[in-house]
Amino acid sequence: MIGLIVTGHANFGSGITSSVNLIAGEQEAYRSVDFLPSYSTEDLAREMTKALDELKDCEGIIIFTDLMGGTPFNVAAQLGRDREDIRIIAGTNLPMLVEIVMSRKFMEDLDELTDSVLGTGKEQVIKYEFKQVVQEDSGDGI
């Protein structure tokens, strides 16, 4: 199974994970790592390393981060730099996570799974517009 780590600023990781668990149930091979205001970069690296170690038996790991270029992303990139079994995604949203927890049961190719979830994330960001429905007068007074 592909392992998942979700991280981001403050309680992003644990917060979005609570939504995933509500929708899809508790997940195996899934860890959330928060970057709390009291944490240093070293604290975050230690917690992410711990999560990676806990998922060491997975066939690959995808790390989901909130912002590209933010500290959680940068730490993930540093930790995954020399590992061929890690992919990192920035700009994580809930539809991506719901999709991947369902898909990883059937998809084992790390790159295929990563590409699939990126497509879902992009497709689910939309602008919804309300349009007023105009009813034509039928001329019969009704």
Protein backbone atom coordinates (compact mmCIF):
# COMPACT_ATOMS: atom_id res chain seq x y z
CA MET A 1 0.00 0.00 0.00
CA ILE A 2 1.11 3.56 -0.65
CA GLY A 3 1.66 5.47 2.59
CA LEU A 4 0.34 8.99 3.07
CA ILE A 5 1.60 11.89 5.17
CA VAL A 6 -0.37 15.12 5.41
CA THR A 7 1.38 18.19 6.77
CA GLY A 8 0.99 21.93 6.82
CA HIS A 9 1.01 25.04 8.92
CA ALA A 10 -0.60 24.94 12.37
CA ASN A 11 -3.18 22.14 12.53
CA PHE A 12 -3.65 21.74 8.79
CA GLY A 13 -2.57 18.10 8.80
CA SER A 14 -4.68 16.92 11.72
CA GLY A 15 -7.60 19.17 10.78
CA ILE A 16 -8.01 17.96 7.21
CA THR A 17 -7.36 14.41 8.41
CA SER A 18 -10.36 14.64 10.74
CA SER A 19 -12.49 15.44 7.69
CA VAL A 20 -11.03 12.52 5.73
CA ASN A 21 -11.77 10.18 8.62
CA LEU A 22 -15.35 11.42 8.88
CA ILE A 23 -15.95 10.84 5.16
CA ALA A 24 -13.90 7.69 4.53
CA GLY A 25 -13.20 6.19 7.96
CA GLU A 26 -9.93 5.78 9.84
CA GLN A 27 -7.02 5.14 7.49
CA GLU A 28 -4.11 2.75 7.70
CA ALA A 29 -0.63 3.79 6.53
CA TYR A 30 -1.64 7.43 6.99
CA ARG A 31 -0.02 10.01 9.25
CA SER A 32 -0.67 13.69 9.85
CA VAL A 33 2.10 16.00 10.99
CA ASP A 34 1.26 19.47 12.23
CA PHE A 35 3.69 22.40 12.16
CA LEU A 36 2.70 24.05 15.40
CA PRO A 37 3.57 27.68 16.23
CA SER A 38 5.92 26.45 18.97
CA TYR A 39 7.84 24.19 16.53
CA SER A 40 11.17 24.98 14.98
CA THR A 41 12.07 23.66 11.55
CA GLU A 42 14.08 20.97 13.33
CA ASP A 43 11.03 19.94 15.37
CA LEU A 44 9.00 19.57 12.19
CA ALA A 45 11.79 17.57 10.52
CA ARG A 46 11.93 15.27 13.55
CA GLU A 47 8.15 14.66 13.46
CA MET A 48 8.14 14.08 9.71
CA THR A 49 11.08 11.68 9.99
CA LYS A 50 9.15 9.79 12.66
CA ALA A 51 6.12 9.55 10.34
CA LEU A 52 8.33 8.37 7.46
CA ASP A 53 9.86 5.71 9.71
CA GLU A 54 6.39 4.51 10.71
CA LEU A 55 5.55 4.06 7.01
CA LYS A 56 8.86 2.40 6.06
CA ASP A 57 7.12 -0.83 4.96
CA CYS A 58 4.92 0.96 2.42
CA GLU A 59 5.55 0.58 -1.32
CA GLY A 60 5.94 4.33 -1.60
CA ILE A 61 4.92 7.48 0.24
CA ILE A 62 3.10 10.61 -0.89
CA ILE A 63 3.54 13.66 1.29
CA PHE A 64 0.73 16.20 0.99
CA THR A 65 1.56 19.78 2.02
CA ASP A 66 -0.48 22.94 2.20
CA LEU A 67 1.71 25.55 0.45
CA MET A 68 4.51 25.18 -2.04
CA GLY A 69 7.58 26.91 -0.65
CA GLY A 70 6.32 26.91 2.94
CA THR A 71 8.29 25.28 5.73
CA PRO A 72 6.33 21.97 5.69
CA PHE A 73 6.88 21.69 1.92
CA ASN A 74 10.56 22.59 2.23
CA VAL A 75 11.14 20.05 5.01
CA ALA A 76 9.33 17.36 3.01
CA ALA A 77 11.44 18.18 -0.05
CA GLN A 78 14.63 17.98 1.99
CA LEU A 79 13.67 14.63 3.54
CA GLY A 80 12.53 13.15 0.23
CA ARG A 81 15.30 14.57 -1.94
CA ASP A 82 17.35 11.40 -2.30
CA ARG A 83 14.50 8.90 -2.08
CA GLU A 84 12.87 7.45 -5.18
CA ASP A 85 9.89 6.18 -3.17
CA ILE A 86 8.58 9.62 -2.12
CA ARG A 87 6.39 12.09 -4.01
CA ILE A 88 5.43 15.51 -2.64
CA ILE A 89 2.28 17.45 -3.46
CA ALA A 90 1.61 21.08 -2.53
CA GLY A 91 -1.77 22.79 -2.49
CA THR A 92 -3.57 19.89 -0.87
CA ASN A 93 -7.36 19.99 -0.71
CA LEU A 94 -9.96 17.65 0.77
CA PRO A 95 -11.16 16.15 -2.55
CA MET A 96 -7.59 15.04 -3.28
CA LEU A 97 -7.32 13.22 0.03
CA VAL A 98 -10.72 11.57 -0.23
CA GLU A 99 -9.83 10.41 -3.75
CA ILE A 100 -6.47 8.98 -2.75
CA VAL A 101 -7.65 7.08 0.31
CA MET A 102 -10.16 5.34 -1.95
CA SER A 103 -7.87 4.89 -4.98
CA ARG A 104 -4.75 3.61 -3.26
CA LYS A 105 -6.56 0.37 -2.46
CA PHE A 106 -6.62 -0.39 -6.20
CA MET A 107 -3.67 1.57 -7.61
CA GLU A 108 -0.14 0.60 -6.67
CA ASP A 109 1.90 2.72 -9.10
CA LEU A 110 3.21 5.72 -7.18
CA ASP A 111 3.40 8.09 -10.15
CA GLU A 112 0.04 7.04 -11.58
CA LEU A 113 -1.61 7.58 -8.21
CA THR A 114 0.10 10.96 -7.78
CA ASP A 115 -0.99 12.14 -11.23
CA SER A 116 -4.54 10.94 -10.65
CA VAL A 117 -4.91 12.81 -7.38
CA LEU A 118 -3.46 16.00 -8.91
CA GLY A 119 -6.17 15.87 -11.56
CA THR A 120 -8.86 15.48 -8.92
CA GLY A 121 -7.52 18.40 -6.91
CA LYS A 122 -7.57 20.69 -9.93
CA GLU A 123 -11.02 19.56 -11.11
CA GLN A 124 -12.59 20.20 -7.71
CA VAL A 125 -11.53 23.85 -7.53
CA ILE A 126 -14.38 25.65 -9.28
CA LYS A 127 -16.30 28.88 -9.28
CA TYR A 128 -19.99 28.24 -8.76
CA GLU A 129 -22.29 30.85 -10.23
CA PHE A 130 -25.94 31.29 -9.46
CA LYS A 131 -27.95 31.93 -12.59
CA GLN A 132 -31.39 33.42 -12.47
CA VAL A 133 -33.98 31.36 -14.31
CA VAL A 134 -36.26 33.51 -16.44
CA GLN A 135 -39.72 32.12 -17.05
CA GLU A 136 -41.37 33.16 -20.25
CA ASP A 137 -44.92 34.46 -20.14
CA SER A 138 -47.13 31.94 -21.90
CA GLY A 139 -49.73 34.61 -22.63
CA ASP A 140 -52.61 32.75 -20.98
CA GLY A 141 -52.50 34.83 -17.81
CA ILE A 142 -51.29 32.00 -15.65
